C-alpha cells in the first residue's frame, strides 16, 4: 500500500517495515486478534474488522518520527497502489473512504492518478473519466487529478477532464514524460502543486521550526542543482548478472547507480550483460552472444556484479572480476559479486584452481565461500542474515578509498541479505595474495568488505548498499565505484567530506540548523 523504499529515496527519510502495509500483514493481525478473543466471538468481516485494522495501522505509523528530529510528522503520505476495480484493493478503498470522513475537511486530500493515452495524435480522456467515476462511486472522491501523459496536456483536454470529473481546472495536474523521473518533482512545483496542497491541507497553520524550514529549503535547492535537464557526458557501466532479462530484479542497484552518476554530473548508460554469455560454453553454442558480451565488458568504464542465488552464470561473473582485476577496470561486487571475486582470487592467486562456493558445490575440497552456520538449510523464506548490521573497518585500512568516502568512519551501518559468506579459514592466504579485508563484523570472523590497494577501485561488499541509496545521498560504495569509473574519485571524496563536515557542524550554505 505504501511504497516504503521509493519514498525513502525521494523524501530522504528513514521508514520502517511498518510503513509498508500489505494484505497479508492486515489479515494476519486480524486473525491473531480473533484467536486472542479480542472480538468476543463476533463474526470477523472485511467491514469493519479489516477496514478498521487498516485505519489503525495508518494512524499508528503516521505518528512515527522519520526525519531524525524525533518529532511526530505533520503530514502522512499514503500510496494506494493498483488499478481501480481490483478486488484486492477494495478493502483499502473502503478504509480510506472511512478515514477521509473521520479526518474531516482540511485534514485529508486524495490525489488520483489517471492515464491520458495518445491515439493517432489525439489525447483521450475516457480512461480517466471512467476510472474517476468508479472511485467516486466507492466513496473515495478525488481532490486532485494527476494525469500521466506522453506530452503536455492541451487546454481542451484539461477542461474536459475537469468538467467530466467534477473538479476545477486548477485541480488537474499534468505529469508528462520527462527525461528522468527525478525531474518530476520540479515539474509538479511548476504547476502549482505546493499551493494546492497548502490550501487543501491548511498547511499555513503548521509552524515548523526555523531549522526545519532551512533544512527543507536546502534539500530542495540541492535537488534542483543535481537534477539537470541534460548531461554533457555519460558513464558506461556494465552490470554483469544472471537475471538481466528482468531489469526489475536489480531495480535498487540501478537506482543507486543513477543517484551516483547524477552526483558525479554524468548520465548513466547501463549495459546489461548476461553473465552466462561470458562463459566458454556460450562460445561453443552461440559465439555471437559470447563476443558481444565480452565486447561490452571490455569497453565499459566500470563493471558491477550484483547479488543473486545459485550456480548458474557464476563462472561468467568470475571471469568479469578477473578482467576488471587484470585490466584495472573499476569493479564493485555486491553480495554474490563479492563472493565470486573472492573465488577468483582463491583460484588464480592462491593456487586453489578448483576453489568454489559451498552454494555451488557442497562437496568441493576448497570452499572459499561457505554456508553461514546459524542459517537454516531447510527453510528458505526469512532465514537469511537480514537487516541492518555493523561493519567495522580494521586497523591498517587507512589506505581504503571506500573508508575515505565514509568519512574515515570506524563503523558503518548497512543492510544485509545473504546466506553465504567468505570462509574465514582462507582469509589469511587471500590477504597475503593482496585481497585486503578492510571491513569485518563485530566478531571479526565475518568478512564484510574487501579492497585492493593498487587498483583504481576493486571493492567487494557483502551487504547491499543499494538499499539505503538516496537521490541526494547515493550509496557510498556505488558512488565511489561510479566516480572511479569516471575518473573523478578524488574530487568526489573531497566534496563528500566537506558536506559531512558541514552537517556535523550544523551549517549548510551559511545557515545554521
Protein backbone atom coordinates (compact mmCIF):
# COMPACT_ATOMS: atom_id res chain seq x y z
CA UNK A 1 0.00 0.00 0.00
CA UNK A 2 2.85 2.37 0.79
CA UNK A 3 5.98 2.23 -1.32
CA UNK A 4 8.44 2.39 1.56
CA UNK A 5 11.69 2.20 -0.40
CA UNK A 6 10.65 4.69 -3.10
CA UNK A 7 9.51 7.25 -0.52
CA UNK A 8 12.75 6.89 1.40
CA UNK A 9 14.77 7.59 -1.75
CA UNK A 10 12.78 10.66 -2.70
CA UNK A 11 11.98 12.24 0.67
CA UNK A 12 15.29 11.34 2.30
CA UNK A 13 13.56 9.94 5.39
CA UNK A 14 14.05 6.72 7.33
CA UNK A 15 10.97 4.50 7.09
CA UNK A 16 10.40 1.13 8.73
CA UNK A 17 8.85 -2.15 7.61
CA UNK A 18 5.60 -0.99 9.21
CA UNK A 19 5.40 1.76 6.59
CA UNK A 20 4.72 -0.99 4.05
CA UNK A 21 1.16 -2.24 4.55
CA UNK A 22 0.20 -5.48 2.84
CA UNK A 23 -2.97 -7.55 2.81
CA UNK A 24 -1.06 -10.42 4.40
CA UNK A 25 0.01 -8.26 7.35
CA UNK A 26 -3.51 -6.96 7.90
CA UNK A 27 -5.19 -10.37 7.69
CA UNK A 28 -2.56 -11.88 10.00
CA UNK A 29 -3.19 -9.14 12.56
CA UNK A 30 -6.97 -9.62 12.42
CA UNK A 31 -6.72 -13.41 12.72
CA UNK A 32 -4.40 -13.12 15.72
CA UNK A 33 -6.84 -10.75 17.39
CA UNK A 34 -9.69 -13.13 16.78
CA UNK A 35 -7.70 -16.03 18.25
CA UNK A 36 -6.97 -13.99 21.36
CA UNK A 37 -10.67 -13.34 21.76
CA UNK A 38 -10.44 -9.60 21.12
CA UNK A 39 -13.67 -9.70 19.09
CA UNK A 40 -15.59 -11.58 21.82
CA UNK A 41 -16.73 -14.30 19.47
CA UNK A 42 -18.30 -11.97 16.93
CA UNK A 43 -18.11 -12.93 13.24
CA UNK A 44 -14.99 -11.41 11.69
CA UNK A 45 -15.77 -9.50 8.48
CA UNK A 46 -13.96 -7.34 5.95
CA UNK A 47 -16.08 -4.43 7.18
CA UNK A 48 -15.49 -3.39 9.92
CA UNK A 49 -12.63 -5.58 11.14
CA UNK A 50 -10.27 -5.49 8.14
CA UNK A 51 -11.00 -1.84 7.31
CA UNK A 52 -10.64 -0.78 10.96
CA UNK A 53 -7.31 -2.60 11.17
CA UNK A 54 -6.04 -0.75 8.09
CA UNK A 55 -7.02 2.60 9.57
CA UNK A 56 -5.46 1.77 12.94
CA UNK A 57 -2.24 0.76 11.19
CA UNK A 58 -2.11 4.02 9.24
CA UNK A 59 -2.86 6.08 12.34
CA UNK A 60 -0.12 4.35 14.33
CA UNK A 61 2.56 4.56 11.64
CA UNK A 62 1.77 8.18 10.78
CA UNK A 63 2.99 9.23 14.23
CA UNK A 64 6.44 7.61 13.96
CA UNK A 65 9.29 10.17 13.56
CA UNK A 66 11.09 9.68 10.24
CA UNK A 67 13.46 12.63 9.73
CA UNK A 68 15.79 12.19 12.68
CA UNK A 69 14.26 15.09 14.61
CA UNK A 70 12.31 12.84 16.97
CA UNK A 71 9.11 14.81 16.35
CA UNK A 72 5.81 13.49 15.03
CA UNK A 73 5.30 14.12 11.28
CA UNK A 74 2.83 16.81 10.21
CA UNK A 75 1.73 15.02 7.03
CA UNK A 76 1.41 11.33 6.21
CA UNK A 77 1.59 10.31 2.54
CA UNK A 78 -0.30 7.12 1.67
CA UNK A 79 0.17 5.40 -1.66
CA UNK A 80 -2.70 3.11 -2.63
CA UNK A 81 -1.32 1.07 -5.49
CA UNK A 82 -3.11 -0.99 -8.10
CA UNK A 83 -5.92 -0.20 -10.50
CA UNK A 84 -9.45 0.97 -9.78
CA UNK A 85 -11.70 -2.07 -9.56
CA UNK A 86 -9.04 -4.53 -8.39
CA UNK A 87 -10.66 -6.93 -5.92
CA UNK A 88 -7.65 -6.96 -3.61
CA UNK A 89 -7.73 -3.15 -3.33
CA UNK A 90 -11.37 -2.78 -2.31
CA UNK A 91 -10.82 -3.11 1.48
CA UNK A 92 -8.22 -0.35 1.25
CA UNK A 93 -10.54 1.90 -0.77
CA UNK A 94 -13.27 1.46 1.84
CA UNK A 95 -10.81 2.02 4.70
CA UNK A 96 -9.53 5.26 3.16
CA UNK A 97 -13.08 6.40 2.44
CA UNK A 98 -13.87 5.99 6.12
CA UNK A 99 -10.58 7.64 7.10
CA UNK A 100 -11.39 10.64 4.91
CA UNK A 101 -14.69 11.07 6.75
CA UNK A 102 -13.06 10.73 10.19
CA UNK A 103 -10.20 13.11 9.37
CA UNK A 104 -12.57 15.85 8.24
CA UNK A 105 -12.15 18.80 5.93
CA UNK A 106 -8.65 20.19 5.71
CA UNK A 107 -7.02 17.02 7.01
CA UNK A 108 -7.28 14.69 4.02
CA UNK A 109 -6.63 15.07 0.32
CA UNK A 110 -6.99 12.42 -2.39
CA UNK A 111 -4.74 12.72 -5.44
CA UNK A 112 -6.00 10.41 -8.16
CA UNK A 113 -3.54 9.26 -10.85
CA UNK A 114 -5.09 8.63 -14.27
CA UNK A 115 -3.69 7.91 -17.72
CA UNK A 116 -4.28 10.01 -20.84
CA UNK A 117 -3.33 7.84 -23.83
CA UNK A 118 -2.32 9.36 -27.15
CA UNK A 119 -4.24 7.76 -30.05
CA UNK A 120 -3.40 8.93 -33.56
CA UNK A 121 -2.12 12.20 -32.11
CA UNK A 122 -5.26 12.83 -30.04
CA UNK A 123 -5.30 12.85 -26.24
CA UNK A 124 -8.08 10.58 -24.97
CA UNK A 125 -9.73 11.27 -21.61
CA UNK A 126 -12.23 8.39 -21.42
CA UNK A 127 -9.97 6.03 -19.40
CA UNK A 128 -9.51 8.68 -16.72
CA UNK A 129 -13.19 9.66 -16.78
CA UNK A 130 -14.34 6.08 -16.20
CA UNK A 131 -11.70 5.44 -13.55
CA UNK A 132 -12.68 8.57 -11.61
CA UNK A 133 -16.36 7.59 -11.88
CA UNK A 134 -15.57 4.19 -10.40
CA UNK A 135 -13.53 5.51 -7.50
CA UNK A 136 -16.14 8.18 -6.73
CA UNK A 137 -18.85 5.53 -6.63
CA UNK A 138 -16.77 3.75 -4.00
CA UNK A 139 -16.74 6.92 -1.92
CA UNK A 140 -13.12 8.00 -2.40
CA UNK A 141 -13.61 11.36 -4.09
CA UNK A 142 -10.57 12.86 -5.89
CA UNK A 143 -9.43 16.34 -4.86
CA UNK A 144 -6.66 16.49 -7.46
CA UNK A 145 -6.23 14.52 -10.68
CA UNK A 146 -2.68 13.79 -11.80
CA UNK A 147 -2.70 12.82 -15.47
CA UNK A 148 0.08 10.62 -16.78
CA UNK A 149 0.74 11.52 -20.40
CA UNK A 150 3.43 11.38 -23.06
CA UNK A 151 3.34 15.08 -23.84
CA UNK A 152 1.96 18.28 -22.21
CA UNK A 153 -1.83 18.28 -21.88
CA UNK A 154 -3.76 20.50 -24.25
CA UNK A 155 -6.10 23.11 -22.73
CA UNK A 156 -9.10 21.34 -24.21
CA UNK A 157 -8.04 18.06 -22.62
CA UNK A 158 -7.64 19.68 -19.21
CA UNK A 159 -11.04 21.35 -19.48
CA UNK A 160 -12.73 18.09 -20.46
CA UNK A 161 -11.19 16.22 -17.53
CA UNK A 162 -12.16 18.97 -15.08
CA UNK A 163 -15.74 19.10 -16.33
CA UNK A 164 -16.25 15.35 -16.53
CA UNK A 165 -14.61 14.57 -13.20
CA UNK A 166 -16.17 17.45 -11.25
CA UNK A 167 -13.00 19.31 -10.32
CA UNK A 168 -11.66 22.75 -11.16
CA UNK A 169 -9.19 23.25 -14.00
CA UNK A 170 -6.51 24.12 -11.43
CA UNK A 171 -7.02 20.70 -9.84
CA UNK A 172 -5.83 18.88 -12.97
CA UNK A 173 -2.06 18.25 -12.94
CA UNK A 174 -0.15 17.01 -16.00
CA UNK A 175 2.59 14.51 -15.19
CA UNK A 176 4.12 14.19 -18.63
CA UNK A 177 7.10 12.03 -19.58
CA UNK A 178 10.40 13.61 -18.56
CA UNK A 179 13.99 12.74 -19.49
CA UNK A 180 14.37 11.28 -15.98
CA UNK A 181 11.86 10.51 -13.25
CA UNK A 182 13.83 12.74 -10.89
CA UNK A 183 12.66 15.82 -12.81
CA UNK A 184 9.00 15.13 -11.99
CA UNK A 185 9.03 16.94 -8.60
CA UNK A 186 10.28 20.07 -10.36
CA UNK A 187 7.52 19.68 -12.96
CA UNK A 188 4.89 19.42 -10.22
CA UNK A 189 6.21 22.52 -8.48
CA UNK A 190 5.99 24.49 -11.73
CA UNK A 191 2.29 23.58 -11.97
CA UNK A 192 1.50 24.93 -8.51
CA UNK A 193 1.10 21.65 -6.63
CA UNK A 194 2.55 23.15 -3.46
CA UNK A 195 -0.04 25.93 -3.41
CA UNK A 196 -2.84 23.41 -3.94
CA UNK A 197 -1.60 21.25 -1.07
CA UNK A 198 -1.07 24.24 1.17
CA UNK A 199 -4.67 25.29 0.67
CA UNK A 200 -6.29 21.85 0.83
CA UNK A 201 -4.44 20.73 3.97
CA UNK A 202 -4.28 24.17 5.63
CA UNK A 203 -0.52 23.85 5.88
CA UNK A 204 -0.10 27.52 6.78
CA UNK A 205 -1.46 26.63 10.22
CA UNK A 206 1.58 24.40 10.77
CA UNK A 207 4.52 26.29 12.24
CA UNK A 208 7.73 24.32 11.59
CA UNK A 209 10.89 25.32 13.39
CA UNK A 210 13.31 27.64 11.59
CA UNK A 211 15.83 24.78 11.48
CA UNK A 212 13.34 22.53 9.69
CA UNK A 213 12.47 25.29 7.21
CA UNK A 214 16.15 25.86 6.46
CA UNK A 215 16.76 22.13 6.09
CA UNK A 216 13.84 21.77 3.66
CA UNK A 217 14.92 24.77 1.59
CA UNK A 218 18.46 23.43 1.36
CA UNK A 219 17.22 19.98 0.36
CA UNK A 220 15.10 21.46 -2.45
CA UNK A 221 17.99 23.66 -3.58
CA UNK A 222 20.30 20.65 -3.77
CA UNK A 223 17.66 18.62 -5.60
CA UNK A 224 17.27 21.21 -8.35
CA UNK A 225 21.02 21.63 -8.60
CA UNK A 226 21.74 17.93 -9.01
CA UNK A 227 18.92 17.21 -11.48
CA UNK A 228 19.91 18.99 -14.72
CA UNK A 229 17.85 18.82 -17.87
CA UNK A 230 20.66 17.33 -19.93
CA UNK A 231 24.08 15.77 -19.38
CA UNK A 232 27.12 16.58 -21.48
CA UNK A 233 28.70 13.15 -20.96
CA UNK A 234 27.77 9.62 -19.96
CA UNK A 235 29.39 6.87 -17.89
CA UNK A 236 29.21 3.32 -19.25
CA UNK A 237 28.61 0.74 -16.55
CA UNK A 238 28.36 -2.99 -17.33
CA UNK A 239 26.01 -4.78 -14.94
CA UNK A 240 27.01 -8.45 -15.15
CA UNK A 241 24.18 -10.54 -13.72
CA UNK A 242 22.12 -13.67 -14.21
CA UNK A 243 18.65 -12.03 -14.19
CA UNK A 244 19.30 -9.29 -16.75
CA UNK A 245 16.20 -10.21 -18.76
CA UNK A 246 14.17 -8.93 -15.82
CA UNK A 247 15.53 -5.47 -15.08
CA UNK A 248 13.33 -5.04 -12.01
CA UNK A 249 15.37 -7.79 -10.32
CA UNK A 250 18.15 -5.23 -9.97
CA UNK A 251 15.98 -2.14 -9.52
CA UNK A 252 17.65 -0.94 -6.32
CA UNK A 253 21.10 -1.37 -7.87
CA UNK A 254 20.04 0.61 -10.92
CA UNK A 255 18.66 3.43 -8.76
CA UNK A 256 21.84 3.56 -6.71
CA UNK A 257 23.88 3.82 -9.92
CA UNK A 258 21.59 6.58 -11.22
CA UNK A 259 21.96 8.52 -7.96
CA UNK A 260 25.73 8.14 -8.10
CA UNK A 261 26.01 9.15 -11.76
CA UNK A 262 23.92 12.29 -11.16
CA UNK A 263 26.07 13.18 -8.17
CA UNK A 264 29.10 12.98 -10.48
CA UNK A 265 27.38 15.04 -13.19
CA UNK A 266 27.03 12.25 -15.73
CA UNK A 267 24.19 10.37 -17.36
CA UNK A 268 24.19 6.65 -16.61
CA UNK A 269 24.50 4.37 -19.61
CA UNK A 270 23.74 0.97 -18.11
CA UNK A 271 24.85 -2.01 -20.18
CA UNK A 272 23.08 -5.25 -19.31
CA UNK A 273 25.40 -8.26 -19.66
CA UNK A 274 24.14 -11.81 -19.14
CA UNK A 275 26.89 -13.49 -17.14
CA UNK A 276 26.20 -16.83 -18.86
CA UNK A 277 27.20 -15.26 -22.17
CA UNK A 278 30.72 -14.68 -20.80
CA UNK A 279 31.29 -18.37 -20.24
CA UNK A 280 33.18 -20.66 -22.62
CA UNK A 281 30.08 -22.78 -23.20
CA UNK A 282 28.44 -19.85 -24.95
CA UNK A 283 31.44 -19.56 -27.24
CA UNK A 284 30.68 -23.08 -28.44
CA UNK A 285 26.90 -22.75 -28.71
CA UNK A 286 26.43 -19.08 -29.59
CA UNK A 287 29.68 -17.25 -30.42
CA UNK A 288 27.78 -14.08 -31.37
CA UNK A 289 26.42 -13.65 -27.85
CA UNK A 290 29.81 -14.58 -26.39
CA UNK A 291 31.74 -11.96 -28.35
CA UNK A 292 29.06 -9.29 -27.88
CA UNK A 293 29.05 -9.80 -24.11
CA UNK A 294 32.83 -9.63 -23.90
CA UNK A 295 32.95 -6.55 -26.11
CA UNK A 296 30.55 -4.79 -23.72
CA UNK A 297 32.58 -5.80 -20.67
CA UNK A 298 35.88 -4.78 -22.24
CA UNK A 299 34.60 -1.36 -23.32
CA UNK A 300 32.80 -0.47 -20.08
CA UNK A 301 34.09 2.25 -17.77
CA UNK A 302 33.21 0.07 -14.78
CA UNK A 303 31.96 -3.46 -14.03
CA UNK A 304 29.39 -4.22 -11.34
CA UNK A 305 28.40 -7.74 -10.31
CA UNK A 306 25.26 -7.69 -8.11
CA UNK A 307 23.69 -10.24 -5.78
CA UNK A 308 21.97 -13.47 -6.75
CA UNK A 309 21.46 -17.10 -5.87
CA UNK A 310 22.55 -20.40 -7.38
CA UNK A 311 25.38 -21.63 -9.59
CA UNK A 312 24.05 -20.55 -12.99
CA UNK A 313 26.13 -17.83 -14.63
CA UNK A 314 28.65 -17.55 -11.81
CA UNK A 315 31.63 -18.66 -13.92
CA UNK A 316 30.91 -15.69 -16.17
CA UNK A 317 30.85 -13.41 -13.14
CA UNK A 318 34.21 -14.78 -12.02
CA UNK A 319 35.65 -14.04 -15.46
CA UNK A 320 34.29 -10.49 -15.31
CA UNK A 321 36.01 -9.98 -11.94
CA UNK A 322 39.21 -11.37 -13.41
CA UNK A 323 39.06 -8.94 -16.35
CA UNK A 324 38.49 -5.98 -14.01
CA UNK A 325 41.43 -7.05 -11.86
CA UNK A 326 43.86 -7.60 -14.71
CA UNK A 327 42.91 -4.53 -16.75
CA UNK A 328 42.48 -2.05 -13.86
CA UNK A 329 38.81 -1.53 -14.65
CA UNK A 330 36.82 -0.25 -11.64
CA UNK A 331 34.90 -3.15 -10.09
CA UNK A 332 32.17 -3.36 -7.47
CA UNK A 333 30.93 -6.72 -6.23
CA UNK A 334 27.77 -6.76 -4.14
CA UNK A 335 26.95 -9.86 -2.06
CA UNK A 336 27.39 -12.65 -4.64
CA UNK A 337 29.54 -10.20 -6.60
CA UNK A 338 31.93 -10.07 -3.66
CA UNK A 339 31.94 -13.85 -3.30
CA UNK A 340 32.78 -14.57 -6.95
CA UNK A 341 35.70 -12.14 -6.76
CA UNK A 342 36.97 -13.99 -3.68
CA UNK A 343 36.69 -17.27 -5.61
CA UNK A 344 38.71 -15.74 -8.46
CA UNK A 345 41.46 -14.73 -6.03
CA UNK A 346 41.47 -18.16 -4.39
CA UNK A 347 41.85 -19.81 -7.80
CA UNK A 348 44.25 -17.50 -9.58
CA UNK A 349 46.39 -16.03 -6.81
CA UNK A 350 46.22 -18.61 -4.02
CA UNK A 351 46.62 -21.66 -6.25
CA UNK A 352 43.33 -23.38 -5.42
CA UNK A 353 42.28 -23.96 -9.03
CA UNK A 354 39.09 -25.77 -8.02
CA UNK A 355 38.04 -23.26 -5.35
CA UNK A 356 34.33 -22.52 -5.33
CA UNK A 357 31.38 -21.74 -3.10
CA UNK A 358 29.56 -24.26 -0.97
CA UNK A 359 26.42 -22.93 -2.64
CA UNK A 360 27.71 -24.17 -5.99
CA UNK A 361 29.30 -27.45 -4.86
CA UNK A 362 28.78 -28.70 -1.32
CA UNK A 363 31.35 -31.50 -1.79
CA UNK A 364 34.18 -29.32 -3.12
CA UNK A 365 37.58 -29.64 -1.47
CA UNK A 366 38.28 -25.90 -1.32
CA UNK A 367 35.25 -23.84 -0.34
CA UNK A 368 36.27 -20.19 -0.42
CA UNK A 369 32.65 -19.30 0.40
CA UNK A 370 30.65 -21.27 2.95
CA UNK A 371 27.11 -21.55 4.29
CA UNK A 372 26.53 -19.41 7.38
CA UNK A 373 26.38 -21.77 10.37
CA UNK A 374 23.35 -20.19 12.07
CA UNK A 375 21.13 -20.23 8.96
CA UNK A 376 18.56 -22.97 8.29
CA UNK A 377 19.32 -25.20 5.31
CA UNK A 378 15.73 -26.38 5.00
CA UNK A 379 13.61 -23.24 5.29
CA UNK A 380 14.16 -20.63 2.57
CA UNK A 381 11.89 -17.71 3.43
CA UNK A 382 13.10 -15.22 6.04
CA UNK A 383 16.06 -17.35 7.16
CA UNK A 384 18.85 -15.25 5.68
CA UNK A 385 21.06 -12.80 7.52
CA UNK A 386 18.74 -9.84 7.18
CA UNK A 387 18.56 -6.23 8.30
CA UNK A 388 20.98 -3.54 9.34
CA UNK A 389 24.32 -4.74 10.73
CA UNK A 390 27.52 -3.05 11.84
CA UNK A 391 30.67 -3.23 9.74
CA UNK A 392 33.94 -2.36 11.48
CA UNK A 393 36.87 -1.01 9.49
CA UNK A 394 40.02 -2.83 10.51
CA UNK A 395 43.37 -1.46 11.67
CA UNK A 396 45.56 -0.86 8.65
CA UNK A 397 42.62 0.09 6.42
CA UNK A 398 43.63 3.75 6.31
CA UNK A 399 44.54 3.28 2.63
CA UNK A 400 40.93 2.37 1.81
CA UNK A 401 39.27 4.59 -0.77
CA UNK A 402 35.86 3.36 0.41
CA UNK A 403 36.59 4.21 4.03
CA UNK A 404 37.66 7.70 2.97
CA UNK A 405 34.27 8.15 1.28
CA UNK A 406 32.62 7.06 4.52
CA UNK A 407 34.39 9.99 6.13
CA UNK A 408 37.10 7.88 7.73
CA UNK A 409 34.48 6.15 9.89
CA UNK A 410 35.46 3.21 12.06
CA UNK A 411 31.96 1.67 12.00
CA UNK A 412 29.22 1.89 9.35
CA UNK A 413 25.67 0.51 9.30
CA UNK A 414 24.49 -1.27 6.16
CA UNK A 415 21.71 -3.71 5.29
CA UNK A 416 22.32 -7.41 4.66
CA UNK A 417 20.55 -10.18 2.79
CA UNK A 418 22.58 -13.37 2.34
CA UNK A 419 23.09 -16.98 3.42
CA UNK A 420 26.73 -17.47 2.41
CA UNK A 421 29.93 -15.76 3.49
CA UNK A 422 33.67 -15.81 2.89
CA UNK A 423 35.31 -18.82 4.55
CA UNK A 424 37.44 -17.38 7.39
CA UNK A 425 39.89 -20.28 7.03
CA UNK A 426 41.11 -18.79 3.72
CA UNK A 427 41.28 -15.14 4.77
CA UNK A 428 44.97 -15.12 5.72
CA UNK A 429 46.06 -16.59 2.38
CA UNK A 430 43.74 -14.28 0.45
CA UNK A 431 45.18 -11.26 2.21
CA UNK A 432 48.71 -12.42 1.51
CA UNK A 433 47.68 -12.55 -2.16
CA UNK A 434 46.64 -8.88 -1.98
CA UNK A 435 42.92 -9.04 -1.20
CA UNK A 436 42.64 -6.96 1.96
CA UNK A 437 39.51 -7.39 4.08
CA UNK A 438 39.19 -3.84 5.35
CA UNK A 439 35.76 -4.34 6.93
CA UNK A 440 34.51 -7.12 9.22
CA UNK A 441 31.56 -7.71 11.51
CA UNK A 442 31.73 -7.09 15.26
CA UNK A 443 33.15 -10.58 15.88
CA UNK A 444 35.95 -10.19 13.36
CA UNK A 445 35.06 -13.57 11.83
CA UNK A 446 32.69 -12.39 9.12
CA UNK A 447 34.17 -10.60 6.10
CA UNK A 448 32.14 -7.56 5.06
CA UNK A 449 34.39 -5.51 2.74
CA UNK A 450 37.47 -6.28 0.68
CA UNK A 451 39.56 -3.83 -1.30
CA UNK A 452 42.71 -3.90 -3.41
CA UNK A 453 45.41 -1.33 -2.72
CA UNK A 454 46.93 -0.91 -6.17
CA UNK A 455 43.77 -0.60 -8.22
CA UNK A 456 41.58 2.38 -9.24
CA UNK A 457 38.62 0.69 -7.49
CA UNK A 458 38.32 -3.01 -6.80
CA UNK A 459 35.86 -3.36 -3.94
CA UNK A 460 33.54 -6.11 -2.73
CA UNK A 461 30.85 -5.69 -0.08
CA UNK A 462 28.83 -8.49 1.48
CA UNK A 463 25.99 -6.12 2.36
CA UNK A 464 23.58 -4.39 -0.02
CA UNK A 465 24.41 -0.65 -0.08
CA UNK A 466 21.81 -0.03 -2.78
CA UNK A 467 19.01 -0.47 -0.24
CA UNK A 468 19.97 2.76 1.51
CA UNK A 469 20.75 4.87 -1.56
CA UNK A 470 19.02 8.25 -1.83
CA UNK A 471 18.82 10.78 -4.64
CA UNK A 472 20.80 13.31 -2.62
CA UNK A 473 22.80 10.73 -0.67
CA UNK A 474 23.93 7.98 -3.04
CA UNK A 475 25.07 4.69 -1.56
CA UNK A 476 28.72 5.17 -0.65
CA UNK A 477 30.16 2.07 -2.40
CA UNK A 478 28.28 2.79 -5.65
CA UNK A 479 29.23 6.46 -5.53
CA UNK A 480 32.91 5.58 -5.18
CA UNK A 481 32.62 2.98 -7.93
CA UNK A 482 30.97 5.36 -10.41
CA UNK A 483 33.37 8.19 -9.53
CA UNK A 484 36.32 5.86 -10.12
CA UNK A 485 34.82 4.79 -13.46
CA UNK A 486 34.58 8.43 -14.49
CA UNK A 487 38.00 9.34 -13.08
CA UNK A 488 36.82 11.88 -10.51
CA UNK A 489 37.08 9.87 -7.28
CA UNK A 490 39.45 12.29 -5.56
CA UNK A 491 37.16 15.26 -6.28
CA UNK A 492 34.02 13.45 -5.14
CA UNK A 493 35.70 12.21 -1.97
CA UNK A 494 36.77 15.75 -1.12
CA UNK A 495 33.29 17.15 -1.77
CA UNK A 496 31.57 14.43 0.26
CA UNK A 497 33.89 15.02 3.20
CA UNK A 498 33.21 18.77 3.04
CA UNK A 499 29.46 18.13 3.05
CA UNK A 500 29.69 15.75 6.00
CA UNK A 501 31.81 18.22 7.93
CA UNK A 502 29.24 20.95 7.31
CA UNK A 503 26.42 18.71 8.51
CA UNK A 504 28.33 17.75 11.66
CA UNK A 505 28.94 21.41 12.40
CA UNK A 506 25.26 22.18 11.77
CA UNK A 507 25.93 24.62 8.96
CA UNK A 508 24.78 24.28 5.35
CA UNK A 509 25.25 27.04 2.80
CA UNK A 510 25.85 29.59 5.54
CA UNK A 511 22.72 28.66 7.55
CA UNK A 512 22.80 27.09 10.99
CA UNK A 513 20.24 24.45 11.87
